[in-house]
C-alpha atoms as a PDB file:
ATOM      1  CA  ASN A   1      64.742  -9.695 -25.023  1.00  0.00           C
ATOM      2  CA  VAL A   2      64.140  -8.105 -21.648  1.00  0.00           C
ATOM      3  CA  ARG A   3      60.614  -6.782 -21.226  1.00  0.00           C
ATOM      4  CA  MET A   4      60.855  -3.336 -19.673  1.00  0.00           C
ATOM      5  CA  GLY A   5      58.223  -1.237 -17.970  1.00  0.00           C
ATOM      6  CA  ARG A   6      55.605  -3.851 -17.226  1.00  0.00           C
ATOM      7  CA  ASN A   7      52.386  -2.413 -15.790  1.00  0.00           C
ATOM      8  CA  TYR A   8      51.735  -4.566 -12.734  1.00  0.00           C
ATOM      9  CA  SER A   9      48.336  -2.989 -12.157  1.00  0.00           C
ATOM     10  CA  THR A  10      47.064  -5.152 -15.023  1.00  0.00           C
ATOM     11  CA  VAL A  11      48.040  -8.406 -13.285  1.00  0.00           C
ATOM     12  CA  SER A  12      44.853 -10.124 -12.147  1.00  0.00           C
ATOM     13  CA  GLU A  13      44.085 -12.001  -8.963  1.00  0.00           C
ATOM     14  CA  PRO A  14      45.494 -15.569  -8.631  1.00  0.00           C
ATOM     15  CA  VAL A  15      43.415 -18.288 -10.292  1.00  0.00           C
ATOM     16  CA  LYS A  16      43.911 -20.600  -7.296  1.00  0.00           C
ATOM     17  CA  CYS A  17      45.568 -20.456  -3.886  1.00  0.00           C
ATOM     18  CA  PHE A  18      46.150 -23.618  -1.900  1.00  0.00           C
ATOM     19  CA  GLY A  19      48.112 -24.880   1.064  1.00  0.00           C
ATOM     20  CA  SER A  20      48.694 -23.519   4.542  1.00  0.00           C
ATOM     21  CA  GLU A  21      51.431 -23.832   7.141  1.00  0.00           C
ATOM     22  CA  GLY A  22      51.499 -27.173   8.904  1.00  0.00           C
ATOM     23  CA  GLU A  23      52.322 -30.859   8.753  1.00  0.00           C
ATOM     24  CA  ALA A  24      48.927 -32.349   7.856  1.00  0.00           C
ATOM     25  CA  ASP A  25      48.002 -33.598   4.384  1.00  0.00           C
ATOM     26  CA  GLY A  26      47.816 -30.659   2.007  1.00  0.00           C
ATOM     27  CA  GLN A  27      49.780 -28.378   4.333  1.00  0.00           C
ATOM     28  CA  LEU A  28      53.261 -27.041   3.628  1.00  0.00           C
ATOM     29  CA  CYS A  29      56.332 -26.033   5.583  1.00  0.00           C
ATOM     30  CA  ARG A  30      58.840 -23.967   3.617  1.00  0.00           C
ATOM     31  CA  PRO A  31      58.032 -25.386   0.172  1.00  0.00           C
ATOM     32  CA  TRP A  32      60.832 -24.861  -2.362  1.00  0.00           C
ATOM     33  CA  GLY A  33      60.631 -26.682  -5.679  1.00  0.00           C
ATOM     34  CA  VAL A  34      57.506 -27.122  -7.790  1.00  0.00           C
ATOM     35  CA  CYS A  35      56.719 -28.680 -11.161  1.00  0.00           C
ATOM     36  CA  CYS A  36      53.773 -29.905 -13.213  1.00  0.00           C
ATOM     37  CA  THR A  37      53.096 -33.083 -15.139  1.00  0.00           C
ATOM     38  CA  LYS A  38      51.647 -33.130 -18.659  1.00  0.00           C
ATOM     39  CA  THR A  39      48.385 -34.425 -17.173  1.00  0.00           C
ATOM     40  CA  GLY A  40      48.087 -31.441 -14.830  1.00  0.00           C
ATOM     41  CA  LEU A  41      49.358 -32.746 -11.490  1.00  0.00           C
ATOM     42  CA  ILE A  42      51.321 -30.262  -9.370  1.00  0.00           C
ATOM     43  CA  LEU A  43      54.281 -31.693  -7.411  1.00  0.00           C
ATOM     44  CA  VAL A  44      55.735 -29.665  -4.544  1.00  0.00           C
ATOM     45  CA  ALA A  45      59.004 -30.272  -2.692  1.00  0.00           C
ATOM     46  CA  ASN A  46      57.615 -29.760   0.818  1.00  0.00           C
ATOM     47  CA  ARG A  47      61.075 -29.104   2.180  1.00  0.00           C
ATOM     48  CA  SER A  48      60.765 -28.888   5.946  1.00  0.00           C
ATOM     49  CA  ASN A  49      58.115 -31.638   6.014  1.00  0.00           C
ATOM     50  CA  ASN A  50      60.589 -33.900   4.163  1.00  0.00           C
ATOM     51  CA  ARG A  51      58.133 -35.118   1.548  1.00  0.00           C
ATOM     52  CA  ILE A  52      56.704 -34.528  -1.915  1.00  0.00           C
ATOM     53  CA  ASP A  53      53.086 -33.359  -2.024  1.00  0.00           C
ATOM     54  CA  VAL A  54      50.915 -33.942  -5.095  1.00  0.00           C
ATOM     55  CA  TYR A  55      47.907 -31.761  -5.993  1.00  0.00           C
ATOM     56  CA  ASP A  56      45.558 -31.720  -8.957  1.00  0.00           C
ATOM     57  CA  LYS A  57      45.401 -28.714 -11.321  1.00  0.00           C
ATOM     58  CA  ASP A  58      42.836 -27.040  -9.060  1.00  0.00           C
ATOM     59  CA  GLY A  59      45.104 -27.289  -6.027  1.00  0.00           C
ATOM     60  CA  VAL A  60      43.186 -30.142  -4.398  1.00  0.00           C
ATOM     61  CA  PHE A  61      45.515 -32.369  -2.375  1.00  0.00           C
ATOM     62  CA  LYS A  62      45.838 -35.893  -3.790  1.00  0.00           C
ATOM     63  CA  TYR A  63      48.625 -37.686  -1.899  1.00  0.00           C
ATOM     64  CA  ASN A  64      52.217 -37.374  -0.722  1.00  0.00           C
ATOM     65  CA  PHE A  65      55.252 -39.590  -0.376  1.00  0.00           C
ATOM     66  CA  GLY A  66      58.442 -39.578   1.633  1.00  0.00           C
ATOM     67  CA  THR A  67      59.365 -39.020   5.250  1.00  0.00           C
ATOM     68  CA  GLY A  68      62.365 -37.668   7.116  1.00  0.00           C
ATOM     69  CA  GLY A  69      65.476 -39.820   7.229  1.00  0.00           C
ATOM     70  CA  LYS A  70      68.531 -41.076   5.389  1.00  0.00           C
ATOM     71  CA  LEU A  71      67.282 -44.428   4.090  1.00  0.00           C
ATOM     72  CA  GLN A  72      66.007 -45.246   0.614  1.00  0.00           C
ATOM     73  CA  GLY A  73      62.833 -43.267  -0.066  1.00  0.00           C
ATOM     74  CA  GLU A  74      63.440 -40.886   2.850  1.00  0.00           C
ATOM     75  CA  PHE A  75      64.415 -37.213   2.585  1.00  0.00           C
ATOM     76  CA  ASP A  76      66.410 -34.567   4.398  1.00  0.00           C
ATOM     77  CA  ARG A  77      65.261 -31.170   3.098  1.00  0.00           C
ATOM     78  CA  PRO A  78      64.208 -31.998  -0.469  1.00  0.00           C
ATOM     79  CA  ALA A  79      64.755 -28.822  -2.466  1.00  0.00           C
ATOM     80  CA  SER A  80      63.524 -29.437  -5.997  1.00  0.00           C
ATOM     81  CA  VAL A  81      61.437 -31.795  -8.092  1.00  0.00           C
ATOM     82  CA  CYS A  82      60.963 -32.269 -11.834  1.00  0.00           C
ATOM     83  CA  VAL A  83      59.170 -34.835 -13.994  1.00  0.00           C
ATOM     84  CA  ASP A  84      60.882 -36.400 -17.007  1.00  0.00           C
ATOM     85  CA  ASN A  85      59.415 -37.870 -20.189  1.00  0.00           C
ATOM     86  CA  LEU A  86      59.361 -41.297 -18.518  1.00  0.00           C
ATOM     87  CA  ASN A  87      56.858 -39.949 -15.953  1.00  0.00           C
ATOM     88  CA  ARG A  88      59.367 -40.180 -13.144  1.00  0.00           C
ATOM     89  CA  ALA A  89      59.715 -37.653 -10.337  1.00  0.00           C
ATOM     90  CA  VAL A  90      63.383 -36.667  -9.961  1.00  0.00           C
ATOM     91  CA  ILE A  91      64.135 -35.037  -6.600  1.00  0.00           C
ATOM     92  CA  THR A  92      67.143 -33.301  -5.066  1.00  0.00           C
ATOM     93  CA  ASP A  93      67.463 -34.787  -1.586  1.00  0.00           C
ATOM     94  CA  LYS A  94      69.543 -31.766  -0.624  1.00  0.00           C
ATOM     95  CA  ASP A  95      70.843 -32.416   2.871  1.00  0.00           C
ATOM     96  CA  ASN A  96      71.364 -36.114   2.111  1.00  0.00           C
ATOM     97  CA  HIS A  97      73.537 -35.015  -0.844  1.00  0.00           C
ATOM     98  CA  ARG A  98      71.855 -37.290  -3.372  1.00  0.00           C
ATOM     99  CA  ILE A  99      69.203 -37.560  -6.072  1.00  0.00           C
ATOM    100  CA  GLN A 100      66.208 -39.867  -5.719  1.00  0.00           C
ATOM    101  CA  VAL A 101      63.878 -40.970  -8.504  1.00  0.00           C
ATOM    102  CA  PHE A 102      60.295 -42.172  -7.984  1.00  0.00           C
ATOM    103  CA  SER A 103      57.249 -43.059 -10.010  1.00  0.00           C
ATOM    104  CA  LEU A 104      54.513 -40.445  -9.930  1.00  0.00           C
ATOM    105  CA  LYS A 105      52.735 -42.631  -7.353  1.00  0.00           C
ATOM    106  CA  GLY A 106      55.740 -42.363  -5.038  1.00  0.00           C
ATOM    107  CA  GLU A 107      57.260 -45.774  -5.694  1.00  0.00           C
ATOM    108  CA  PHE A 108      61.046 -45.683  -5.253  1.00  0.00           C
ATOM    109  CA  ILE A 109      63.009 -46.375  -8.460  1.00  0.00           C
ATOM    110  CA  LEU A 110      66.651 -45.412  -7.872  1.00  0.00           C
ATOM    111  CA  MET A 111      69.004 -43.021  -6.131  1.00  0.00           C
ATOM    112  CA  PHE A 112      72.535 -41.829  -6.791  1.00  0.00           C
ATOM    113  CA  GLY A 113      75.146 -39.555  -5.259  1.00  0.00           C
ATOM    114  CA  GLU A 114      76.754 -38.994  -1.879  1.00  0.00           C
ATOM    115  CA  LYS A 115      78.554 -36.150  -0.151  1.00  0.00           C
ATOM    116  CA  GLY A 116      81.872 -35.210  -1.736  1.00  0.00           C
ATOM    117  CA  SER A 117      83.531 -33.276  -4.539  1.00  0.00           C
ATOM    118  CA  LYS A 118      84.405 -36.046  -7.003  1.00  0.00           C
ATOM    119  CA  PRO A 119      82.385 -36.515 -10.216  1.00  0.00           C
ATOM    120  CA  GLY A 120      78.989 -37.914  -9.292  1.00  0.00           C
ATOM    121  CA  GLN A 121      79.206 -36.654  -5.700  1.00  0.00           C
ATOM    122  CA  PHE A 122      77.351 -33.636  -4.324  1.00  0.00           C
ATOM    123  CA  ASN A 123      77.659 -30.865  -1.787  1.00  0.00           C
ATOM    124  CA  TYR A 124      74.070 -29.698  -1.294  1.00  0.00           C
ATOM    125  CA  PRO A 125      72.401 -30.395  -4.660  1.00  0.00           C
ATOM    126  CA  TRP A 126      69.832 -27.654  -5.111  1.00  0.00           C
ATOM    127  CA  ASP A 127      67.861 -27.817  -8.341  1.00  0.00           C
ATOM    128  CA  VAL A 128      67.203 -30.464 -10.982  1.00  0.00           C
ATOM    129  CA  ALA A 129      65.974 -30.511 -14.578  1.00  0.00           C
ATOM    130  CA  THR A 130      65.694 -33.095 -17.344  1.00  0.00           C
ATOM    131  CA  ASN A 131      66.137 -32.673 -21.095  1.00  0.00           C
ATOM    132  CA  SER A 132      64.635 -34.257 -24.204  1.00  0.00           C
ATOM    133  CA  ARG A 133      66.857 -37.322 -23.714  1.00  0.00           C
ATOM    134  CA  ASP A 134      65.815 -37.662 -20.050  1.00  0.00           C
ATOM    135  CA  GLN A 135      69.312 -36.784 -18.908  1.00  0.00           C
ATOM    136  CA  ILE A 136      69.349 -35.344 -15.393  1.00  0.00           C
ATOM    137  CA  LEU A 137      70.967 -31.965 -14.692  1.00  0.00           C
ATOM    138  CA  VAL A 138      71.782 -30.989 -11.100  1.00  0.00           C
ATOM    139  CA  SER A 139      73.079 -27.740  -9.615  1.00  0.00           C
ATOM    140  CA  ASP A 140      75.796 -28.918  -7.216  1.00  0.00           C
ATOM    141  CA  THR A 141      75.686 -25.710  -5.235  1.00  0.00           C
ATOM    142  CA  ARG A 142      78.584 -25.809  -2.797  1.00  0.00           C
ATOM    143  CA  ASN A 143      80.842 -27.578  -5.268  1.00  0.00           C
ATOM    144  CA  HIS A 144      80.191 -24.565  -7.551  1.00  0.00           C
ATOM    145  CA  ARG A 145      79.289 -26.643 -10.604  1.00  0.00           C
ATOM    146  CA  ILE A 146      76.527 -28.340 -12.530  1.00  0.00           C
ATOM    147  CA  GLN A 147      76.550 -32.054 -13.244  1.00  0.00           C
ATOM    148  CA  LEU A 148      74.814 -34.055 -15.972  1.00  0.00           C
ATOM    149  CA  PHE A 149      73.723 -37.694 -15.552  1.00  0.00           C
ATOM    150  CA  SER A 150      72.053 -40.315 -17.670  1.00  0.00           C
ATOM    151  CA  ALA A 151      68.449 -41.323 -16.971  1.00  0.00           C
ATOM    152  CA  ARG A 152      69.912 -44.194 -14.890  1.00  0.00           C
ATOM    153  CA  GLY A 153      72.003 -41.845 -12.747  1.00  0.00           C
ATOM    154  CA  GLU A 154      75.352 -42.458 -14.448  1.00  0.00           C
ATOM    155  CA  PHE A 155      77.715 -39.461 -14.373  1.00  0.00           C
ATOM    156  CA  LEU A 156      78.249 -37.936 -17.818  1.00  0.00           C
ATOM    157  CA  LEU A 157      79.637 -34.388 -17.666  1.00  0.00           C
ATOM    158  CA  LYS A 158      80.239 -31.438 -15.374  1.00  0.00           C
ATOM    159  CA  TYR A 159      80.823 -27.731 -15.845  1.00  0.00           C
ATOM    160  CA  GLY A 160      82.233 -25.129 -13.476  1.00  0.00           C
ATOM    161  CA  PHE A 161      84.520 -25.255 -10.496  1.00  0.00           C
ATOM    162  CA  GLU A 162      86.034 -22.951  -7.898  1.00  0.00           C
ATOM    163  CA  GLY A 163      89.563 -21.894  -8.830  1.00  0.00           C
ATOM    164  CA  ARG A 164      92.196 -19.851  -7.035  1.00  0.00           C
ATOM    165  CA  ASP A 165      91.655 -16.677  -9.034  1.00  0.00           C
ATOM    166  CA  TRP A 166      88.199 -17.020 -10.594  1.00  0.00           C
ATOM    167  CA  LYS A 167      84.977 -18.949 -10.599  1.00  0.00           C
ATOM    168  CA  HIS A 168      82.722 -20.181 -13.362  1.00  0.00           C
ATOM    169  CA  PHE A 169      80.003 -20.289 -10.710  1.00  0.00           C
ATOM    170  CA  ASP A 170      79.521 -19.134  -7.152  1.00  0.00           C
ATOM    171  CA  SER A 171      76.778 -21.262  -5.610  1.00  0.00           C
ATOM    172  CA  PRO A 172      74.678 -22.042  -8.712  1.00  0.00           C
ATOM    173  CA  ARG A 173      71.053 -22.760  -7.820  1.00  0.00           C
ATOM    174  CA  GLY A 174      68.323 -22.786 -10.463  1.00  0.00           C
ATOM    175  CA  VAL A 175      68.753 -24.873 -13.613  1.00  0.00           C
ATOM    176  CA  CYS A 176      66.571 -25.464 -16.660  1.00  0.00           C
ATOM    177  CA  PHE A 177      66.843 -26.598 -20.269  1.00  0.00           C
ATOM    178  CA  MET A 178      65.886 -24.593 -23.318  1.00  0.00           C
ATOM    179  CA  PRO A 179      64.090 -26.377 -26.200  1.00  0.00           C
ATOM    180  CA  ASP A 180      67.448 -27.044 -27.929  1.00  0.00           C
ATOM    181  CA  ASP A 181      68.843 -28.570 -24.681  1.00  0.00           C
ATOM    182  CA  GLN A 182      71.094 -25.623 -23.917  1.00  0.00           C
ATOM    183  CA  ILE A 183      71.257 -25.026 -20.157  1.00  0.00           C
ATOM    184  CA  VAL A 184      70.348 -21.896 -18.197  1.00  0.00           C
ATOM    185  CA  VAL A 185      71.797 -21.569 -14.673  1.00  0.00           C
ATOM    186  CA  THR A 186      71.252 -18.924 -11.999  1.00  0.00           C
ATOM    187  CA  ASP A 187      74.762 -18.025 -10.826  1.00  0.00           C
ATOM    188  CA  PHE A 188      73.562 -16.960  -7.403  1.00  0.00           C
ATOM    189  CA  ASN A 189      76.456 -15.114  -5.750  1.00  0.00           C
ATOM    190  CA  ASN A 190      77.814 -13.750  -9.046  1.00  0.00           C
ATOM    191  CA  HIS A 191      74.432 -12.083  -9.733  1.00  0.00           C
ATOM    192  CA  ARG A 192      74.087 -13.354 -13.298  1.00  0.00           C
ATOM    193  CA  LEU A 193      72.767 -16.098 -15.553  1.00  0.00           C
ATOM    194  CA  LEU A 194      74.888 -18.530 -17.517  1.00  0.00           C
ATOM    195  CA  VAL A 195      73.770 -20.182 -20.741  1.00  0.00           C
ATOM    196  CA  VAL A 196      75.805 -23.369 -21.149  1.00  0.00           C
ATOM    197  CA  ASN A 197      75.897 -25.360 -24.377  1.00  0.00           C
ATOM    198  CA  GLN A 198      74.542 -28.913 -24.291  1.00  0.00           C
ATOM    199  CA  GLU A 199      78.062 -30.393 -24.451  1.00  0.00           C
ATOM    200  CA  LEU A 200      78.955 -28.466 -21.252  1.00  0.00           C
ATOM    201  CA  THR A 201      82.080 -27.022 -22.852  1.00  0.00           C
ATOM    202  CA  CYS A 202      81.393 -23.271 -22.957  1.00  0.00           C
ATOM    203  CA  ALA A 203      78.991 -20.658 -21.656  1.00  0.00           C
ATOM    204  CA  GLN A 204      77.639 -17.157 -22.208  1.00  0.00           C
ATOM    205  CA  TYR A 205      77.157 -14.779 -19.284  1.00  0.00           C
ATOM    206  CA  LEU A 206      74.024 -12.666 -18.960  1.00  0.00           C
ATOM    207  CA  GLY A 207      73.453  -9.836 -16.499  1.00  0.00           C
ATOM    208  CA  LYS A 208      75.404  -8.335 -13.641  1.00  0.00           C
ATOM    209  CA  GLU A 209      74.862  -7.077 -10.099  1.00  0.00           C
END
């Protein structure tokens, strides 16, 4: 149900504010993705600094990992980060067209994907989410689809493509799972949401421009 007529004058001041523009520890440059662990850590995809920054629940900087580059453990504009039930940080390494997985301490575990349009390949992966089975969902933005992988990075399923006369998606960006593992996707250029079933076989459309 859409909540209409919210009174924004009742919204209080922020509990915490942290970060400032820069490259030093605890500073941010065009941060995009953010997530929290069950223990209260806050992970930020510090996009233009090409790293993941980790803060405690009070916004105090703890540590970071990653640097700019194309090698294992390096990033080129990381866009999103999520934490699965295995306590792994799963990151969209957007401009390297791949997904990288780390421990919460920043130890490299695995990576998968490369630039392309075949199953398991990416064209600017944007957002990432994991479900109750630790499967990894990625919005493959410029391939106009979402892709689902196992916890080990093995391709499982995809949904959406760009056709001659219609599109399931036009540049999908945000993805998340509902408690029953259905998928919600922001269909960016079509100005709507899609709710996709967990088998990735059909979808409902919500909203319009």
